[in-house]
Amino acid sequence: MAEQAGLATEIDAAVRATPGVSSIYRSGSLISNLVGAGAAALGVTGQDEPLVSVVDGDDGLRIEASVGVDFAASALDTLTAARAAIAAVLADRGLRAAGITLTIVYVHSREAS
């Protein structure tokens, strides 16, 4: 579990450093996000936990991230670069993903920049 947390932290940093990515949001349903926020408020989990999900399934690692992108960036180019950044982190550790799911959940407008 600690190894997955370290991997999630490293992937989180790589995705945040990707040009065009302006933020990362917690993946999952509204209910799971509310439960997670409540747990963090109670001190059960840390506020600084990575927002990227890394799950080791029967078929291998599954990575999930929900990102906000800058309005001026190409969404396709941004997701392609983020996927490559994740693959590079995994390759550095000798790992491969069974699946990488990247979702754009917010496009930051010019006014928000």
PDB file of N, CA and C in Angstrom:
ATOM      1  N   MET A   1       0.826  -1.201   0.000  1.00  0.00           N
ATOM      2  CA  MET A   1       0.000   0.000   0.000  1.00  0.00           C
ATOM      3  C   MET A   1       0.867   1.261   0.000  1.00  0.00           C
ATOM      4  N   ALA A   2       1.941   1.252   0.802  1.00  0.00           N
ATOM      5  CA  ALA A   2       2.832   2.409   0.839  1.00  0.00           C
ATOM      6  C   ALA A   2       3.495   2.612  -0.519  1.00  0.00           C
ATOM      7  N   GLU A   3       3.816   1.501  -1.200  1.00  0.00           N
ATOM      8  CA  GLU A   3       4.422   1.592  -2.528  1.00  0.00           C
ATOM      9  C   GLU A   3       3.451   2.245  -3.512  1.00  0.00           C
ATOM     10  N   GLN A   4       2.162   1.871  -3.434  1.00  0.00           N
ATOM     11  CA  GLN A   4       1.159   2.480  -4.321  1.00  0.00           C
ATOM     12  C   GLN A   4       0.978   3.957  -4.000  1.00  0.00           C
ATOM     13  N   ALA A   5       1.024   4.317  -2.709  1.00  0.00           N
ATOM     14  CA  ALA A   5       0.885   5.721  -2.328  1.00  0.00           C
ATOM     15  C   ALA A   5       2.055   6.531  -2.879  1.00  0.00           C
ATOM     16  N   GLY A   6       3.259   5.975  -2.797  1.00  0.00           N
ATOM     17  CA  GLY A   6       4.427   6.659  -3.348  1.00  0.00           C
ATOM     18  C   GLY A   6       4.333   6.805  -4.856  1.00  0.00           C
ATOM     19  N   LEU A   7       3.851   5.761  -5.509  1.00  0.00           N
ATOM     20  CA  LEU A   7       3.664   5.798  -6.956  1.00  0.00           C
ATOM     21  C   LEU A   7       2.607   6.836  -7.324  1.00  0.00           C
ATOM     22  N   ALA A   8       1.515   6.872  -6.575  1.00  0.00           N
ATOM     23  CA  ALA A   8       0.450   7.851  -6.836  1.00  0.00           C
ATOM     24  C   ALA A   8       0.975   9.273  -6.673  1.00  0.00           C
ATOM     25  N   THR A   9       1.805   9.500  -5.657  1.00  0.00           N
ATOM     26  CA  THR A   9       2.381  10.827  -5.435  1.00  0.00           C
ATOM     27  C   THR A   9       3.276  11.228  -6.601  1.00  0.00           C
ATOM     28  N   GLU A  10       4.076  10.285  -7.077  1.00  0.00           N
ATOM     29  CA  GLU A  10       4.975  10.558  -8.196  1.00  0.00           C
ATOM     30  C   GLU A  10       4.187  10.831  -9.484  1.00  0.00           C
ATOM     31  N   ILE A  11       3.146  10.047  -9.722  1.00  0.00           N
ATOM     32  CA  ILE A  11       2.309  10.255 -10.913  1.00  0.00           C
ATOM     33  C   ILE A  11       1.570  11.582 -10.804  1.00  0.00           C
ATOM     34  N   ASP A  12       1.064  11.891  -9.618  1.00  0.00           N
ATOM     35  CA  ASP A  12       0.373  13.160  -9.372  1.00  0.00           C
ATOM     36  C   ASP A  12       1.277  14.327  -9.773  1.00  0.00           C
ATOM     37  N   ALA A  13       2.535  14.293  -9.318  1.00  0.00           N
ATOM     38  CA  ALA A  13       3.484  15.368  -9.627  1.00  0.00           C
ATOM     39  C   ALA A  13       3.762  15.445 -11.128  1.00  0.00           C
ATOM     40  N   ALA A  14       3.891  14.295 -11.781  1.00  0.00           N
ATOM     41  CA  ALA A  14       4.164  14.274 -13.223  1.00  0.00           C
ATOM     42  C   ALA A  14       2.995  14.849 -14.016  1.00  0.00           C
ATOM     43  N   VAL A  15       1.780  14.516 -13.616  1.00  0.00           N
ATOM     44  CA  VAL A  15       0.597  15.040 -14.318  1.00  0.00           C
ATOM     45  C   VAL A  15       0.483  16.544 -14.095  1.00  0.00           C
ATOM     46  N   ARG A  16       0.698  17.002 -12.856  1.00  0.00           N
ATOM     47  CA  ARG A  16       0.635  18.445 -12.568  1.00  0.00           C
ATOM     48  C   ARG A  16       1.672  19.237 -13.368  1.00  0.00           C
ATOM     49  N   ALA A  17       2.821  18.605 -13.642  1.00  0.00           N
ATOM     50  CA  ALA A  17       3.894  19.277 -14.381  1.00  0.00           C
ATOM     51  C   ALA A  17       3.662  19.272 -15.891  1.00  0.00           C
ATOM     52  N   THR A  18       2.640  18.585 -16.340  1.00  0.00           N
ATOM     53  CA  THR A  18       2.350  18.496 -17.774  1.00  0.00           C
ATOM     54  C   THR A  18       1.836  19.840 -18.293  1.00  0.00           C
ATOM     55  N   PRO A  19       2.451  20.374 -19.352  1.00  0.00           N
ATOM     56  CA  PRO A  19       1.954  21.628 -19.925  1.00  0.00           C
ATOM     57  C   PRO A  19       0.480  21.499 -20.323  1.00  0.00           C
ATOM     58  N   GLY A  20      -0.305  22.497 -19.938  1.00  0.00           N
ATOM     59  CA  GLY A  20      -1.735  22.491 -20.241  1.00  0.00           C
ATOM     60  C   GLY A  20      -2.592  22.026 -19.085  1.00  0.00           C
ATOM     61  N   VAL A  21      -2.022  21.240 -18.162  1.00  0.00           N
ATOM     62  CA  VAL A  21      -2.778  20.805 -16.978  1.00  0.00           C
ATOM     63  C   VAL A  21      -2.708  21.929 -15.954  1.00  0.00           C
ATOM     64  N   SER A  22      -3.861  22.436 -15.550  1.00  0.00           N
ATOM     65  CA  SER A  22      -3.886  23.529 -14.583  1.00  0.00           C
ATOM     66  C   SER A  22      -4.220  23.054 -13.176  1.00  0.00           C
ATOM     67  N   SER A  23      -4.824  21.875 -13.056  1.00  0.00           N
ATOM     68  CA  SER A  23      -5.144  21.338 -11.731  1.00  0.00           C
ATOM     69  C   SER A  23      -5.538  19.874 -11.860  1.00  0.00           C
ATOM     70  N   ILE A  24      -5.547  19.199 -10.710  1.00  0.00           N
ATOM     71  CA  ILE A  24      -6.010  17.814 -10.641  1.00  0.00           C
ATOM     72  C   ILE A  24      -7.132  17.772  -9.619  1.00  0.00           C
ATOM     73  N   TYR A  25      -8.154  17.001  -9.927  1.00  0.00           N
ATOM     74  CA  TYR A  25      -9.301  16.845  -9.036  1.00  0.00           C
ATOM     75  C   TYR A  25      -9.398  15.390  -8.596  1.00  0.00           C
ATOM     76  N   ARG A  26      -9.991  15.182  -7.449  1.00  0.00           N
ATOM     77  CA  ARG A  26     -10.165  13.818  -6.947  1.00  0.00           C
ATOM     78  C   ARG A  26     -11.101  13.059  -7.882  1.00  0.00           C
ATOM     79  N   SER A  27     -10.662  11.884  -8.305  1.00  0.00           N
ATOM     80  CA  SER A  27     -11.484  11.044  -9.175  1.00  0.00           C
ATOM     81  C   SER A  27     -12.533  10.322  -8.350  1.00  0.00           C
ATOM     82  N   GLY A  28     -13.619   9.946  -8.985  1.00  0.00           N
ATOM     83  CA  GLY A  28     -14.654   9.176  -8.306  1.00  0.00           C
ATOM     84  C   GLY A  28     -15.989   9.881  -8.331  1.00  0.00           C
ATOM     85  N   SER A  29     -16.962   9.228  -7.729  1.00  0.00           N
ATOM     86  CA  SER A  29     -18.321   9.760  -7.709  1.00  0.00           C
ATOM     87  C   SER A  29     -18.453  10.884  -6.686  1.00  0.00           C
ATOM     88  N   LEU A  30     -19.546  11.605  -6.772  1.00  0.00           N
ATOM     89  CA  LEU A  30     -19.827  12.669  -5.817  1.00  0.00           C
ATOM     90  C   LEU A  30     -19.853  12.114  -4.397  1.00  0.00           C
ATOM     91  N   ILE A  31     -20.481  10.966  -4.208  1.00  0.00           N
ATOM     92  CA  ILE A  31     -20.580  10.364  -2.873  1.00  0.00           C
ATOM     93  C   ILE A  31     -19.198  10.021  -2.331  1.00  0.00           C
ATOM     94  N   SER A  32     -18.366   9.369  -3.157  1.00  0.00           N
ATOM     95  CA  SER A  32     -17.034   8.996  -2.669  1.00  0.00           C
ATOM     96  C   SER A  32     -16.193  10.234  -2.377  1.00  0.00           C
ATOM     97  N   ASN A  33     -16.376  11.298  -3.149  1.00  0.00           N
ATOM     98  CA  ASN A  33     -15.655  12.543  -2.879  1.00  0.00           C
ATOM     99  C   ASN A  33     -16.126  13.194  -1.590  1.00  0.00           C
ATOM    100  N   LEU A  34     -17.429  13.145  -1.323  1.00  0.00           N
ATOM    101  CA  LEU A  34     -17.947  13.690  -0.067  1.00  0.00           C
ATOM    102  C   LEU A  34     -17.432  12.905   1.129  1.00  0.00           C
ATOM    103  N   VAL A  35     -17.415  11.584   1.009  1.00  0.00           N
ATOM    104  CA  VAL A  35     -16.885  10.740   2.087  1.00  0.00           C
ATOM    105  C   VAL A  35     -15.406  11.049   2.299  1.00  0.00           C
ATOM    106  N   GLY A  36     -14.656  11.188   1.207  1.00  0.00           N
ATOM    107  CA  GLY A  36     -13.232  11.507   1.307  1.00  0.00           C
ATOM    108  C   GLY A  36     -12.990  12.860   1.945  1.00  0.00           C
ATOM    109  N   ALA A  37     -13.796  13.858   1.580  1.00  0.00           N
ATOM    110  CA  ALA A  37     -13.654  15.190   2.171  1.00  0.00           C
ATOM    111  C   ALA A  37     -13.987  15.160   3.657  1.00  0.00           C
ATOM    112  N   GLY A  38     -15.009  14.392   4.024  1.00  0.00           N
ATOM    113  CA  GLY A  38     -15.357  14.252   5.439  1.00  0.00           C
ATOM    114  C   GLY A  38     -14.253  13.576   6.222  1.00  0.00           C
ATOM    115  N   ALA A  39     -13.666  12.537   5.650  1.00  0.00           N
ATOM    116  CA  ALA A  39     -12.565  11.831   6.315  1.00  0.00           C
ATOM    117  C   ALA A  39     -11.367  12.755   6.493  1.00  0.00           C
ATOM    118  N   ALA A  40     -11.074  13.570   5.485  1.00  0.00           N
ATOM    119  CA  ALA A  40      -9.957  14.508   5.592  1.00  0.00           C
ATOM    120  C   ALA A  40     -10.236  15.554   6.664  1.00  0.00           C
ATOM    121  N   ALA A  41     -11.486  16.034   6.737  1.00  0.00           N
ATOM    122  CA  ALA A  41     -11.850  17.021   7.753  1.00  0.00           C
ATOM    123  C   ALA A  41     -11.720  16.457   9.160  1.00  0.00           C
ATOM    124  N   LEU A  42     -11.989  15.161   9.305  1.00  0.00           N
ATOM    125  CA  LEU A  42     -11.875  14.514  10.613  1.00  0.00           C
ATOM    126  C   LEU A  42     -10.443  14.093  10.928  1.00  0.00           C
ATOM    127  N   GLY A  43      -9.553  14.252   9.966  1.00  0.00           N
ATOM    128  CA  GLY A  43      -8.166  13.879  10.186  1.00  0.00           C
ATOM    129  C   GLY A  43      -7.872  12.415   9.942  1.00  0.00           C
ATOM    130  N   VAL A  44      -8.848  11.680   9.378  1.00  0.00           N
ATOM    131  CA  VAL A  44      -8.650  10.257   9.103  1.00  0.00           C
ATOM    132  C   VAL A  44      -7.712  10.073   7.915  1.00  0.00           C
ATOM    133  N   THR A  45      -7.786  10.968   6.947  1.00  0.00           N
ATOM    134  CA  THR A  45      -6.869  10.967   5.807  1.00  0.00           C
ATOM    135  C   THR A  45      -6.273  12.357   5.692  1.00  0.00           C
ATOM    136  N   GLY A  46      -5.157  12.449   5.015  1.00  0.00           N
ATOM    137  CA  GLY A  46      -4.485  13.731   4.877  1.00  0.00           C
ATOM    138  C   GLY A  46      -5.007  14.555   3.724  1.00  0.00           C
ATOM    139  N   GLN A  47      -4.978  15.865   3.904  1.00  0.00           N
ATOM    140  CA  GLN A  47      -5.393  16.778   2.833  1.00  0.00           C
ATOM    141  C   GLN A  47      -4.396  16.744   1.676  1.00  0.00           C
ATOM    142  N   ASP A  48      -3.161  16.335   1.970  1.00  0.00           N
ATOM    143  CA  ASP A  48      -2.115  16.375   0.954  1.00  0.00           C
ATOM    144  C   ASP A  48      -1.944  15.050   0.219  1.00  0.00           C
ATOM    145  N   GLU A  49      -2.892  14.133   0.361  1.00  0.00           N
ATOM    146  CA  GLU A  49      -2.815  12.864  -0.356  1.00  0.00           C
ATOM    147  C   GLU A  49      -2.927  13.121  -1.854  1.00  0.00           C
ATOM    148  N   PRO A  50      -2.256  12.291  -2.656  1.00  0.00           N
ATOM    149  CA  PRO A  50      -2.353  12.482  -4.107  1.00  0.00           C
ATOM    150  C   PRO A  50      -3.788  12.294  -4.589  1.00  0.00           C
ATOM    151  N   LEU A  51      -4.156  13.051  -5.606  1.00  0.00           N
ATOM    152  CA  LEU A  51      -5.506  12.971  -6.151  1.00  0.00           C
ATOM    153  C   LEU A  51      -5.603  11.963  -7.287  1.00  0.00           C
ATOM    154  N   VAL A  52      -4.471  11.409  -7.678  1.00  0.00           N
ATOM    155  CA  VAL A  52      -4.430  10.379  -8.709  1.00  0.00           C
ATOM    156  C   VAL A  52      -4.714   9.035  -8.052  1.00  0.00           C
ATOM    157  N   SER A  53      -5.531   8.229  -8.705  1.00  0.00           N
ATOM    158  CA  SER A  53      -5.863   6.899  -8.186  1.00  0.00           C
ATOM    159  C   SER A  53      -4.976   5.850  -8.856  1.00  0.00           C
ATOM    160  N   VAL A  54      -4.357   4.997  -8.029  1.00  0.00           N
ATOM    161  CA  VAL A  54      -3.559   3.872  -8.524  1.00  0.00           C
ATOM    162  C   VAL A  54      -4.111   2.621  -7.871  1.00  0.00           C
ATOM    163  N   VAL A  55      -4.651   1.722  -8.687  1.00  0.00           N
ATOM    164  CA  VAL A  55      -5.246   0.483  -8.179  1.00  0.00           C
ATOM    165  C   VAL A  55      -4.545  -0.692  -8.845  1.00  0.00           C
ATOM    166  N   ASP A  56      -4.112  -1.646  -8.031  1.00  0.00           N
ATOM    167  CA  ASP A  56      -3.463  -2.850  -8.557  1.00  0.00           C
ATOM    168  C   ASP A  56      -4.523  -3.931  -8.687  1.00  0.00           C
ATOM    169  N   GLY A  57      -5.019  -4.126  -9.901  1.00  0.00           N
ATOM    170  CA  GLY A  57      -6.058  -5.122 -10.159  1.00  0.00           C
ATOM    171  C   GLY A  57      -5.467  -6.434 -10.631  1.00  0.00           C
ATOM    172  N   ASP A  58      -6.338  -7.379 -10.932  1.00  0.00           N
ATOM    173  CA  ASP A  58      -5.906  -8.695 -11.402  1.00  0.00           C
ATOM    174  C   ASP A  58      -5.099  -8.606 -12.698  1.00  0.00           C
ATOM    175  N   ASP A  59      -5.436  -7.619 -13.529  1.00  0.00           N
ATOM    176  CA  ASP A  59      -4.766  -7.490 -14.822  1.00  0.00           C
ATOM    177  C   ASP A  59      -3.632  -6.471 -14.814  1.00  0.00           C
ATOM    178  N   GLY A  60      -3.331  -5.892 -13.666  1.00  0.00           N
ATOM    179  CA  GLY A  60      -2.241  -4.927 -13.556  1.00  0.00           C
ATOM    180  C   GLY A  60      -2.697  -3.603 -12.988  1.00  0.00           C
ATOM    181  N   LEU A  61      -1.815  -2.626 -13.049  1.00  0.00           N
ATOM    182  CA  LEU A  61      -2.101  -1.311 -12.485  1.00  0.00           C
ATOM    183  C   LEU A  61      -3.108  -0.547 -13.337  1.00  0.00           C
ATOM    184  N   ARG A  62      -4.034   0.092 -12.659  1.00  0.00           N
ATOM    185  CA  ARG A  62      -5.000   0.973 -13.319  1.00  0.00           C
ATOM    186  C   ARG A  62      -4.821   2.361 -12.703  1.00  0.00           C
ATOM    187  N   ILE A  63      -4.567   3.330 -13.562  1.00  0.00           N
ATOM    188  CA  ILE A  63      -4.321   4.701 -13.146  1.00  0.00           C
ATOM    189  C   ILE A  63      -5.509   5.545 -13.591  1.00  0.00           C
ATOM    190  N   GLU A  64      -5.976   6.410 -12.690  1.00  0.00           N
ATOM    191  CA  GLU A  64      -7.089   7.298 -13.036  1.00  0.00           C
ATOM    192  C   GLU A  64      -6.796   8.692 -12.506  1.00  0.00           C
ATOM    193  N   ALA A  65      -7.020   9.690 -13.353  1.00  0.00           N
ATOM    194  CA  ALA A  65      -6.830  11.079 -12.944  1.00  0.00           C
ATOM    195  C   ALA A  65      -7.875  11.950 -13.624  1.00  0.00           C
ATOM    196  N   SER A  66      -8.382  12.910 -12.864  1.00  0.00           N
ATOM    197  CA  SER A  66      -9.325  13.900 -13.385  1.00  0.00           C
ATOM    198  C   SER A  66      -8.600  15.240 -13.373  1.00  0.00           C
ATOM    199  N   VAL A  67      -8.525  15.880 -14.532  1.00  0.00           N
ATOM    200  CA  VAL A  67      -7.710  17.085 -14.639  1.00  0.00           C
ATOM    201  C   VAL A  67      -8.518  18.286 -15.112  1.00  0.00           C
ATOM    202  N   GLY A  68      -8.008  19.443 -14.752  1.00  0.00           N
ATOM    203  CA  GLY A  68      -8.471  20.700 -15.308  1.00  0.00           C
ATOM    204  C   GLY A  68      -7.425  21.145 -16.308  1.00  0.00           C
ATOM    205  N   VAL A  69      -7.855  21.677 -17.435  1.00  0.00           N
ATOM    206  CA  VAL A  69      -6.908  22.123 -18.452  1.00  0.00           C
ATOM    207  C   VAL A  69      -7.078  23.614 -18.707  1.00  0.00           C
ATOM    208  N   ASP A  70      -6.013  24.218 -19.172  1.00  0.00           N
ATOM    209  CA  ASP A  70      -6.020  25.628 -19.518  1.00  0.00           C
ATOM    210  C   ASP A  70      -6.813  25.826 -20.811  1.00  0.00           C
ATOM    211  N   PHE A  71      -7.563  26.908 -20.895  1.00  0.00           N
ATOM    212  CA  PHE A  71      -8.418  27.154 -22.061  1.00  0.00           C
ATOM    213  C   PHE A  71      -7.620  27.255 -23.355  1.00  0.00           C
ATOM    214  N   ALA A  72      -6.381  27.684 -23.271  1.00  0.00           N
ATOM    215  CA  ALA A  72      -5.577  27.893 -24.475  1.00  0.00           C
ATOM    216  C   ALA A  72      -4.875  26.623 -24.952  1.00  0.00           C
ATOM    217  N   ALA A  73      -4.892  25.596 -24.142  1.00  0.00           N
ATOM    218  CA  ALA A  73      -4.187  24.357 -24.488  1.00  0.00           C
ATOM    219  C   ALA A  73      -5.092  23.427 -25.288  1.00  0.00           C
ATOM    220  N   SER A  74      -4.498  22.660 -26.164  1.00  0.00           N
ATOM    221  CA  SER A  74      -5.242  21.626 -26.881  1.00  0.00           C
ATOM    222  C   SER A  74      -5.538  20.491 -25.905  1.00  0.00           C
ATOM    223  N   ALA A  75      -6.803  20.143 -25.765  1.00  0.00           N
ATOM    224  CA  ALA A  75      -7.183  19.066 -24.843  1.00  0.00           C
ATOM    225  C   ALA A  75      -6.517  17.755 -25.238  1.00  0.00           C
ATOM    226  N   LEU A  76      -6.515  17.447 -26.518  1.00  0.00           N
ATOM    227  CA  LEU A  76      -5.910  16.199 -26.992  1.00  0.00           C
ATOM    228  C   LEU A  76      -4.410  16.172 -26.712  1.00  0.00           C
ATOM    229  N   ASP A  77      -3.723  17.275 -27.020  1.00  0.00           N
ATOM    230  CA  ASP A  77      -2.280  17.335 -26.769  1.00  0.00           C
ATOM    231  C   ASP A  77      -1.977  17.229 -25.279  1.00  0.00           C
ATOM    232  N   THR A  78      -2.803  17.872 -24.462  1.00  0.00           N
ATOM    233  CA  THR A  78      -2.599  17.837 -23.013  1.00  0.00           C
ATOM    234  C   THR A  78      -2.768  16.425 -22.472  1.00  0.00           C
ATOM    235  N   LEU A  79      -3.836  15.740 -22.887  1.00  0.00           N
ATOM    236  CA  LEU A  79      -4.054  14.369 -22.412  1.00  0.00           C
ATOM    237  C   LEU A  79      -2.977  13.422 -22.929  1.00  0.00           C
ATOM    238  N   THR A  80      -2.540  13.618 -24.167  1.00  0.00           N
ATOM    239  CA  THR A  80      -1.471  12.784 -24.721  1.00  0.00           C
ATOM    240  C   THR A  80      -0.180  12.975 -23.924  1.00  0.00           C
ATOM    241  N   ALA A  81       0.139  14.216 -23.588  1.00  0.00           N
ATOM    242  CA  ALA A  81       1.346  14.501 -22.807  1.00  0.00           C
ATOM    243  C   ALA A  81       1.230  13.956 -21.383  1.00  0.00           C
ATOM    244  N   ALA A  82       0.050  14.066 -20.783  1.00  0.00           N
ATOM    245  CA  ALA A  82      -0.153  13.536 -19.427  1.00  0.00           C
ATOM    246  C   ALA A  82      -0.021  12.016 -19.427  1.00  0.00           C
ATOM    247  N   ARG A  83      -0.588  11.373 -20.429  1.00  0.00           N
ATOM    248  CA  ARG A  83      -0.468   9.905 -20.552  1.00  0.00           C
ATOM    249  C   ARG A  83       1.000   9.508 -20.701  1.00  0.00           C
ATOM    250  N   ALA A  84       1.757  10.254 -21.512  1.00  0.00           N
ATOM    251  CA  ALA A  84       3.183   9.966 -21.698  1.00  0.00           C
ATOM    252  C   ALA A  84       3.957  10.173 -20.396  1.00  0.00           C
ATOM    253  N   ALA A  85       3.587  11.198 -19.626  1.00  0.00           N
ATOM    254  CA  ALA A  85       4.249  11.448 -18.341  1.00  0.00           C
ATOM    255  C   ALA A  85       3.998  10.297 -17.370  1.00  0.00           C
ATOM    256  N   ILE A  86       2.769   9.792 -17.352  1.00  0.00           N
ATOM    257  CA  ILE A  86       2.435   8.649 -16.490  1.00  0.00           C
ATOM    258  C   ILE A  86       3.213   7.417 -16.933  1.00  0.00           C
ATOM    259  N   ALA A  87       3.244   7.168 -18.232  1.00  0.00           N
ATOM    260  CA  ALA A  87       3.973   6.009 -18.760  1.00  0.00           C
ATOM    261  C   ALA A  87       5.457   6.097 -18.416  1.00  0.00           C
ATOM    262  N   ALA A  88       6.024   7.302 -18.438  1.00  0.00           N
ATOM    263  CA  ALA A  88       7.440   7.482 -18.106  1.00  0.00           C
ATOM    264  C   ALA A  88       7.709   7.164 -16.638  1.00  0.00           C
ATOM    265  N   VAL A  89       6.819   7.601 -15.751  1.00  0.00           N
ATOM    266  CA  VAL A  89       6.971   7.287 -14.320  1.00  0.00           C
ATOM    267  C   VAL A  89       6.936   5.778 -14.120  1.00  0.00           C
ATOM    268  N   LEU A  90       5.976   5.130 -14.763  1.00  0.00           N
ATOM    269  CA  LEU A  90       5.860   3.672 -14.638  1.00  0.00           C
ATOM    270  C   LEU A  90       7.094   2.973 -15.210  1.00  0.00           C
ATOM    271  N   ALA A  91       7.564   3.420 -16.367  1.00  0.00           N
ATOM    272  CA  ALA A  91       8.736   2.802 -17.002  1.00  0.00           C
ATOM    273  C   ALA A  91       9.975   2.935 -16.118  1.00  0.00           C
ATOM    274  N   ASP A  92      10.126   4.086 -15.460  1.00  0.00           N
ATOM    275  CA  ASP A  92      11.260   4.290 -14.554  1.00  0.00           C
ATOM    276  C   ASP A  92      11.265   3.276 -13.415  1.00  0.00           C
ATOM    277  N   ARG A  93      10.081   2.784 -13.059  1.00  0.00           N
ATOM    278  CA  ARG A  93       9.956   1.793 -11.984  1.00  0.00           C
ATOM    279  C   ARG A  93       9.844   0.371 -12.524  1.00  0.00           C
ATOM    280  N   GLY A  94       9.931   0.235 -13.842  1.00  0.00           N
ATOM    281  CA  GLY A  94       9.810  -1.092 -14.446  1.00  0.00           C
ATOM    282  C   GLY A  94       8.391  -1.627 -14.425  1.00  0.00           C
ATOM    283  N   LEU A  95       7.415  -0.719 -14.442  1.00  0.00           N
ATOM    284  CA  LEU A  95       5.999  -1.095 -14.377  1.00  0.00           C
ATOM    285  C   LEU A  95       5.296  -0.738 -15.678  1.00  0.00           C
ATOM    286  N   ARG A  96       4.160  -1.377 -15.889  1.00  0.00           N
ATOM    287  CA  ARG A  96       3.290  -1.081 -17.025  1.00  0.00           C
ATOM    288  C   ARG A  96       1.860  -1.007 -16.528  1.00  0.00           C
ATOM    289  N   ALA A  97       1.070  -0.145 -17.119  1.00  0.00           N
ATOM    290  CA  ALA A  97      -0.330  -0.010 -16.711  1.00  0.00           C
ATOM    291  C   ALA A  97      -1.224  -0.887 -17.566  1.00  0.00           C
ATOM    292  N   ALA A  98      -2.217  -1.495 -16.923  1.00  0.00           N
ATOM    293  CA  ALA A  98      -3.264  -2.208 -17.655  1.00  0.00           C
ATOM    294  C   ALA A  98      -4.231  -1.191 -18.247  1.00  0.00           C
ATOM    295  N   GLY A  99      -4.307  -0.018 -17.632  1.00  0.00           N
ATOM    296  CA  GLY A  99      -5.187   1.022 -18.130  1.00  0.00           C
ATOM    297  C   GLY A  99      -4.868   2.363 -17.511  1.00  0.00           C
ATOM    298  N   ILE A 100      -4.956   3.407 -18.314  1.00  0.00           N
ATOM    299  CA  ILE A 100      -4.796   4.780 -17.841  1.00  0.00           C
ATOM    300  C   ILE A 100      -6.036   5.532 -18.280  1.00  0.00           C
ATOM    301  N   THR A 101      -6.791   6.040 -17.316  1.00  0.00           N
ATOM    302  CA  THR A 101      -8.004   6.799 -17.612  1.00  0.00           C
ATOM    303  C   THR A 101      -7.785   8.245 -17.200  1.00  0.00           C
ATOM    304  N   LEU A 102      -7.824   9.133 -18.167  1.00  0.00           N
ATOM    305  CA  LEU A 102      -7.687  10.564 -17.919  1.00  0.00           C
ATOM    306  C   LEU A 102      -8.981  11.242 -18.341  1.00  0.00           C
ATOM    307  N   THR A 103      -9.528  12.050 -17.450  1.00  0.00           N
ATOM    308  CA  THR A 103     -10.787  12.735 -17.722  1.00  0.00           C
ATOM    309  C   THR A 103     -10.607  14.229 -17.513  1.00  0.00           C
ATOM    310  N   ILE A 104     -11.017  15.019 -18.498  1.00  0.00           N
ATOM    311  CA  ILE A 104     -11.029  16.471 -18.315  1.00  0.00           C
ATOM    312  C   ILE A 104     -12.342  16.814 -17.632  1.00  0.00           C
ATOM    313  N   VAL A 105     -12.244  17.359 -16.439  1.00  0.00           N
ATOM    314  CA  VAL A 105     -13.452  17.695 -15.688  1.00  0.00           C
ATOM    315  C   VAL A 105     -13.680  19.203 -15.607  1.00  0.00           C
ATOM    316  N   TYR A 106     -12.684  19.977 -16.048  1.00  0.00           N
ATOM    317  CA  TYR A 106     -12.841  21.423 -15.985  1.00  0.00           C
ATOM    318  C   TYR A 106     -11.903  22.068 -16.998  1.00  0.00           C
ATOM    319  N   VAL A 107     -12.403  23.063 -17.714  1.00  0.00           N
ATOM    320  CA  VAL A 107     -11.568  23.873 -18.594  1.00  0.00           C
ATOM    321  C   VAL A 107     -11.507  25.257 -17.970  1.00  0.00           C
ATOM    322  N   HIS A 108     -10.305  25.646 -17.564  1.00  0.00           N
ATOM    323  CA  HIS A 108     -10.128  26.942 -16.914  1.00  0.00           C
ATOM    324  C   HIS A 108     -10.232  28.048 -17.954  1.00  0.00           C
ATOM    325  N   SER A 109     -11.135  28.969 -17.720  1.00  0.00           N
ATOM    326  CA  SER A 109     -11.374  30.061 -18.663  1.00  0.00           C
ATOM    327  C   SER A 109     -10.266  31.102 -18.579  1.00  0.00           C
ATOM    328  N   ARG A 110     -10.259  31.988 -19.547  1.00  0.00           N
ATOM    329  CA  ARG A 110      -9.281  33.078 -19.557  1.00  0.00           C
ATOM    330  C   ARG A 110      -9.401  33.894 -18.267  1.00  0.00           C
ATOM    331  N   GLU A 111     -10.616  34.126 -17.797  1.00  0.00           N
ATOM    332  CA  GLU A 111     -10.839  34.924 -16.598  1.00  0.00           C
ATOM    333  C   GLU A 111     -10.300  34.242 -15.346  1.00  0.00           C
ATOM    334  N   ALA A 112     -10.302  32.916 -15.325  1.00  0.00           N
ATOM    335  CA  ALA A 112      -9.824  32.175 -14.154  1.00  0.00           C
ATOM    336  C   ALA A 112      -8.304  32.075 -14.141  1.00  0.00           C
ATOM    337  N   SER A 113      -7.674  32.396 -15.265  1.00  0.00           N
ATOM    338  CA  SER A 113      -6.214  32.251 -15.368  1.00  0.00           C
ATOM    339  C   SER A 113      -5.489  33.411 -14.759  1.00  0.00           C
TER     340      SER A 113
END
